[in-house]
Protein backbone atom coordinates (compact mmCIF):
# COMPACT_ATOMS: atom_id res chain seq x y z
CA MET A 1 53.88 90.97 53.92
CA GLU A 2 53.01 87.30 54.41
CA ARG A 3 56.73 86.54 54.74
CA GLY A 4 57.17 89.30 57.29
CA THR A 5 60.35 90.60 55.67
CA ILE A 6 61.43 92.60 52.66
CA ARG A 7 64.59 91.30 50.99
CA ILE A 8 66.80 94.22 50.06
CA GLY A 9 69.85 93.73 47.88
CA THR A 10 72.77 96.01 48.58
CA THR A 11 76.50 96.18 48.00
CA GLY A 12 77.17 98.03 51.24
CA ASP A 13 80.26 99.68 49.77
CA TYR A 14 78.98 103.05 48.64
CA ALA A 15 78.89 105.89 51.16
CA PRO A 16 76.76 107.96 51.59
CA MET A 17 74.21 105.71 49.87
CA SER A 18 74.52 102.26 51.47
CA TYR A 19 77.58 101.47 53.54
CA LEU A 20 78.06 98.53 55.88
CA ASN A 21 79.85 99.96 58.90
CA PRO A 22 82.41 97.33 59.95
CA LEU A 23 82.45 98.65 63.51
CA THR A 24 78.71 98.38 64.11
CA GLY A 25 77.65 95.80 61.53
CA GLU A 26 74.85 98.19 60.53
CA TYR A 27 74.03 99.65 57.12
CA GLU A 28 74.26 103.44 56.92
CA GLY A 29 73.29 106.06 54.33
CA ILE A 30 70.28 107.44 52.52
CA ASP A 31 69.41 104.07 50.98
CA ALA A 32 69.59 102.39 54.37
CA GLU A 33 67.09 104.93 55.70
CA LEU A 34 64.86 104.57 52.64
CA SER A 35 64.94 100.80 53.09
CA LYS A 36 63.72 101.17 56.68
CA LEU A 37 60.96 103.55 55.63
CA ILE A 38 59.74 101.19 52.91
CA ALA A 39 59.84 98.25 55.32
CA ASP A 40 57.91 100.25 57.93
CA SER A 41 55.28 101.20 55.36
CA LEU A 42 54.66 97.50 54.77
CA GLY A 43 54.85 96.54 58.44
CA VAL A 44 57.74 94.15 57.84
CA LYS A 45 61.40 93.77 58.81
CA ILE A 46 64.42 94.12 56.53
CA GLU A 47 66.36 91.08 55.36
CA TYR A 48 69.53 92.36 53.69
CA VAL A 49 70.93 90.31 50.83
CA VAL A 50 74.52 91.04 49.88
CA THR A 51 75.15 91.58 46.18
CA THR A 52 78.04 93.02 44.17
CA TRP A 53 78.23 95.43 41.27
CA PRO A 54 79.32 92.68 38.82
CA THR A 55 76.42 90.42 39.90
CA LEU A 56 73.76 93.06 40.61
CA ALA A 57 71.80 92.55 37.38
CA ALA A 58 71.92 88.76 37.51
CA ASP A 59 70.95 88.69 41.19
CA THR A 60 68.03 91.04 40.53
CA GLN A 61 66.76 88.94 37.65
CA ALA A 62 67.22 85.72 39.65
CA ASP A 63 64.83 86.99 42.36
CA LYS A 64 67.46 86.93 45.10
CA PHE A 65 65.83 90.02 46.61
CA ASP A 66 62.67 92.09 46.24
CA ILE A 67 64.41 95.41 45.56
CA ALA A 68 67.97 96.72 45.44
CA LEU A 69 69.08 100.03 46.94
CA CYS A 70 72.75 101.01 46.94
CA GLY A 71 73.12 104.16 44.88
CA ILE A 72 71.99 102.53 41.63
CA SER A 73 72.13 104.85 38.63
CA ARG A 74 69.08 105.00 36.41
CA ASN A 75 70.12 104.26 32.84
CA TYR A 76 68.75 102.75 29.67
CA ASN A 77 70.77 99.53 29.95
CA ARG A 78 69.18 98.71 33.29
CA ALA A 79 65.72 99.87 32.27
CA ARG A 80 65.72 97.57 29.22
CA THR A 81 66.21 94.42 31.28
CA MET A 82 64.93 95.31 34.76
CA ALA A 83 62.42 97.65 36.37
CA MET A 84 63.55 100.91 37.94
CA SER A 85 61.57 103.17 40.21
CA ASP A 86 61.03 106.87 39.78
CA ALA A 87 64.13 108.95 40.38
CA TYR A 88 65.48 110.42 43.57
CA GLY A 89 68.50 112.64 44.08
CA GLU A 90 67.79 114.36 40.76
CA GLY A 91 70.64 116.62 39.70
CA MET A 92 72.86 115.52 42.59
CA PHE A 93 74.72 112.67 40.90
CA GLY A 94 77.38 112.76 38.24
CA LYS A 95 80.70 111.17 37.38
CA THR A 96 83.71 112.96 38.80
CA ILE A 97 87.12 112.19 40.26
CA LEU A 98 88.80 111.79 43.60
CA CYS A 99 92.54 112.50 43.83
CA ARG A 100 95.17 113.45 46.38
CA ARG A 101 94.95 117.06 47.55
CA GLN A 102 98.48 117.73 46.35
CA ASP A 103 97.41 116.75 42.81
CA GLU A 104 94.21 118.79 42.56
CA LYS A 105 95.74 121.34 40.16
CA ARG A 106 97.13 118.56 37.99
CA PHE A 107 93.71 117.13 37.08
CA ARG A 108 91.33 119.69 35.59
CA SER A 109 89.81 117.73 32.69
CA LEU A 110 89.41 114.28 31.18
CA ALA A 111 92.39 115.05 28.96
CA ASP A 112 94.54 115.60 32.05
CA ILE A 113 93.47 112.21 33.37
CA ASP A 114 93.75 110.23 30.14
CA LYS A 115 97.54 110.02 30.07
CA ALA A 116 99.81 106.99 30.13
CA ASP A 117 101.35 107.87 33.48
CA VAL A 118 98.01 108.29 35.30
CA ARG A 119 96.75 105.35 37.36
CA VAL A 120 92.95 105.23 37.59
CA MET A 121 91.37 102.86 40.12
CA ILE A 122 87.82 101.61 39.54
CA ASN A 123 85.47 99.10 41.10
CA PRO A 124 84.26 96.35 38.75
CA GLY A 125 80.80 95.87 37.35
CA GLY A 126 79.22 99.28 37.81
CA THR A 127 78.84 102.48 35.85
CA ASN A 128 82.19 103.81 37.11
CA GLU A 129 84.00 101.03 35.27
CA LYS A 130 81.89 101.57 32.14
CA PHE A 131 82.63 105.29 32.19
CA ALA A 132 86.37 104.70 32.57
CA HIS A 133 86.55 102.22 29.68
CA ALA A 134 84.48 104.50 27.45
CA ASN A 135 86.45 107.66 28.11
CA LEU A 136 89.97 106.73 29.14
CA LYS A 137 92.06 105.12 26.41
CA LYS A 138 95.60 105.92 27.58
CA ALA A 139 95.43 105.93 31.36
CA GLN A 140 96.28 102.83 33.37
CA LEU A 141 93.04 101.28 34.65
CA ILE A 142 93.37 99.36 37.91
CA VAL A 143 90.38 97.26 39.00
CA HIS A 144 89.96 97.06 42.78
CA ASP A 145 87.17 94.85 44.13
CA ASP A 146 86.52 96.81 47.33
CA ASN A 147 84.91 100.09 46.29
CA ALA A 148 84.91 101.46 49.84
CA ASP A 149 88.68 100.93 50.06
CA ILE A 150 89.57 102.87 46.90
CA PRO A 151 89.66 106.33 48.56
CA ARG A 152 92.28 105.04 50.99
CA GLN A 153 94.25 103.59 48.09
CA ILE A 154 94.24 107.01 46.43
CA ALA A 155 95.20 108.84 49.62
CA GLU A 156 98.14 106.48 50.18
CA GLY A 157 99.41 106.88 46.61
CA ASN A 158 98.61 103.42 45.26
CA ALA A 159 96.68 105.09 42.41
CA ASP A 160 96.15 108.66 41.24
CA ILE A 161 92.45 108.88 40.43
CA MET A 162 89.21 107.29 41.51
CA ILE A 163 86.29 107.54 39.11
CA THR A 164 83.29 108.06 41.36
CA GLU A 165 80.05 109.94 41.91
CA THR A 166 79.84 113.52 43.13
CA VAL A 167 78.05 112.51 46.35
CA GLU A 168 80.62 109.83 47.12
CA ALA A 169 83.50 112.22 46.41
CA ALA A 170 81.95 114.85 48.70
CA HIS A 171 81.67 112.28 51.48
CA TYR A 172 85.30 111.22 51.27
CA ILE A 173 86.83 114.68 51.07
CA ARG A 174 84.97 115.49 54.30
CA GLU A 175 86.31 112.30 55.89
CA ASP A 176 89.94 112.47 54.72
CA SER A 177 91.87 115.74 54.41
CA ARG A 178 94.39 114.04 52.11
CA LEU A 179 91.78 113.82 49.35
CA SER A 180 90.34 116.34 46.91
CA ALA A 181 87.59 116.41 44.28
CA PRO A 182 88.63 119.32 42.04
CA LEU A 183 85.88 118.75 39.45
CA ILE A 184 83.00 118.06 41.81
CA ASN A 185 81.06 121.11 40.60
CA GLU A 186 81.68 120.26 36.94
CA PRO A 187 80.78 116.55 36.68
CA PHE A 188 81.35 114.72 33.41
CA THR A 189 77.78 113.34 33.46
CA ARG A 190 74.51 113.91 35.33
CA HIS A 191 71.97 111.31 36.40
CA SER A 192 69.71 110.21 39.23
CA CYS A 193 69.30 107.07 41.31
CA GLY A 194 66.46 104.60 41.45
CA ILE A 195 65.30 101.45 43.20
CA LEU A 196 65.95 98.34 41.13
CA MET A 197 63.79 95.24 40.80
CA ALA A 198 63.01 92.44 38.37
CA LYS A 199 60.55 93.11 35.57
CA GLY A 200 57.08 91.64 35.62
CA ASP A 201 55.44 92.88 38.83
CA GLN A 202 53.82 96.20 37.98
CA GLU A 203 51.83 96.26 41.24
CA TRP A 204 55.05 96.10 43.26
CA LEU A 205 56.70 98.79 41.14
CA ASN A 206 53.60 100.96 41.58
CA TYR A 207 53.84 100.56 45.35
CA ILE A 208 57.51 101.54 45.46
CA ASN A 209 56.82 104.60 43.31
CA PHE A 210 53.85 105.47 45.56
CA ALA A 211 56.13 105.29 48.62
CA LEU A 212 58.74 107.52 46.98
CA ALA A 213 56.04 110.03 46.04
CA GLU A 214 54.79 110.12 49.64
CA PHE A 215 58.33 110.61 50.96
CA ARG A 216 58.76 113.49 48.53
CA MET A 217 55.42 115.07 49.40
CA ASP A 218 55.79 114.98 53.18
CA GLY A 219 59.33 116.36 53.17
CA THR A 220 61.08 113.12 54.14
CA MET A 221 63.05 112.87 50.92
CA GLU A 222 64.22 116.48 51.13
CA ARG A 223 65.37 115.85 54.70
CA LEU A 224 67.32 112.74 53.67
CA GLU A 225 68.84 114.40 50.61
CA ASN A 226 69.95 117.35 52.74
CA LYS A 227 71.42 114.99 55.32
CA TYR A 228 73.32 112.71 52.95
CA LEU A 229 73.67 114.25 49.49
CA ARG A 230 74.26 117.98 49.97
């Protein structure tokens, strides 16, 4: 509050969570709206700090920003080394696949995907990459640095599968008729998202959790989840 800004770390590559629109230069998505609400509650402006999935943990621990919001999965690995807020989007997130519409009958299970002739494209550093390495031993794993570009790569046939989240898959099949998410209602995992920060400031974590609780109580969170995640 003394600084007049809240520093928010984001990758800006994950629709419908936090996506930097190249046409407008503005961040869009549920996390962009949550960021504005948190900033407004403090009476400060947002200062976005660009991070990446491979550097997210290190940047958080190095105090490059006050909080990070970009569709960050709550998991034990993160909770052991950083602080995570209470959950939002409970039951709406899970690992699934994006493929070309013409291939939707071809991929009905992990076994269908984990074959030597299947090309799976993943973004580095996040839980999608971890899931792919843990569960796919035969498929060809292709690392692509631009997460927001992977759906186009799939649609154009440069890879067969994108490992992604259910909410991201739903967004892209609405945007591109060439794409399909045949397992979106049967995700491989289920989890929620949270706001990430460095350990050691319990008062700040308490405030963020208080804000989330207020947004839940007054209907704001339900409105945002309906707008972006359903």
